[in-house]
Amino acid sequence: MQLICPKDILLEKLQMVLKTVATKSTLPVLSGIKFTVAGGEPVELASTDMELSLRLKLPATVEGTGSAVLPGRLLTDVIRSMPVGDIRVEVDEGEQQALITSAQASFKLNCLPASDFPRLIDMPEDDVFQVNAAPLLATINTVARAASRDETRPVLTGILVKFGSDSVKMVATDSYRLSVRETKVDSTLTQKKEVIVPRSSMEELARLGTISGAEKISVGATDGQILFAAGDTLLTSRLIEGQFPNYQQLLPDEFKHEVEIDKEELLEVVGRVGLMAQKNAPLRLKFSPGELIVSAQTPQVGEARETMSIAFDGEETEIGFNAEYLREGIESVDEEHVFIRIISPLQPGLLKGSGDDFLYLVMPVRLTS
């Protein structure tokens, strides 16, 4: 089989599918990208690390049919180095080699056994629904950062996704913070569906969904996996088994103080003062009538302090937070003003917008003198 494709298009597609090529695996074929040419169909590129799989279409001029697995990263580097213009890829399945040519440049790459490449599942015919893409992707981008990176508690590395007929709710927590967002969507779903999807898979969906520009995303689940189709791109992810924490129990029923602050101003102050919150030093927020003092001190490094005028008339309260967690919570509020709710220095604080569609709970850091 052979295909001819402009360099810029081929490189773009390879870079997209390279994201799900395995970097550490005992199966060499998982380090490859599979090319499949079927009669009358566009070229399909596929890759998988056995947890996340990606398939997409490559527009190209083709001859013959067949499949081949080429080393993903090396192939991408080769194509990137090629001169601008059309690139020809010819696969000799008997010799298990691919000849790649453009202008006067040529490369021969050894192929990996296509027969060893895992069989990837297709979108199921039943139980598939569509969701408008923009609000779904926005919800992912808001919530995903709060999911854990610690693999010792696998369920916390996932995002709880609740699909409804007119909304999608996502919840993520790493046990130090909790992010919840519910968004109105247009959906063809008739029955509610609840799954736990790995954070990395949802972030990849957000990236691919944005690149594709698709207005709708099709969703289907089968055999412990979930599939997302956006345009000519099909992303498949394993689901995480287990019981997600009862996040409702983590949300306090009442807060003692609430203050509304300009988001951009607060973000700038937290960013500046947070430079001095190093080596796990807390960022201190001291609320007193009419003002908020944001400060941080790290021994042998330095200290910073900045005062903001705010509409606060409660009793003086000082609370500490992880600077990065606080900054990311503020960034996640998609409004001009952030509402901060607190109870006491030893109980979690809450960041939100004017409504309750987004809630960001963050645990305090115990302050010393």
Foldseek 3Di string as FASTA:
>chain_A
DKWKDWLVQVLVVLVLQQVAQDPDDPDQLQQWWKWWDDPPAFIWIWHHPPFKIKIFGRDTDDDDTDMFTFRRPVVSVVSVPDDGDMWMWDADVVQQWIWIDDDPDIDIGHIDDPVPDDDDDDFDPPPKKKKFPPVLLLQLVLALVAADPDVVPVLQQWWKWKDDQFKIWIWHHPPQKIKIFIDGIHMPDDDIDIFTFGSVLSNSCSVVLVVLVARMWMWGDDDQKIWIDGPRMIMIGGTDDDDDDPVVVQDDPDFDDKWKDFLVVVLVVLVVQVVQCPPVWWWKWKDAAQKIKTKTHDPPPGIDIDMDGTHGHDHIAMATFNSVLVSSNSVSAPDRMWMWTHHHNQGWIWIYDPDDSIIMIGGTDDDDD
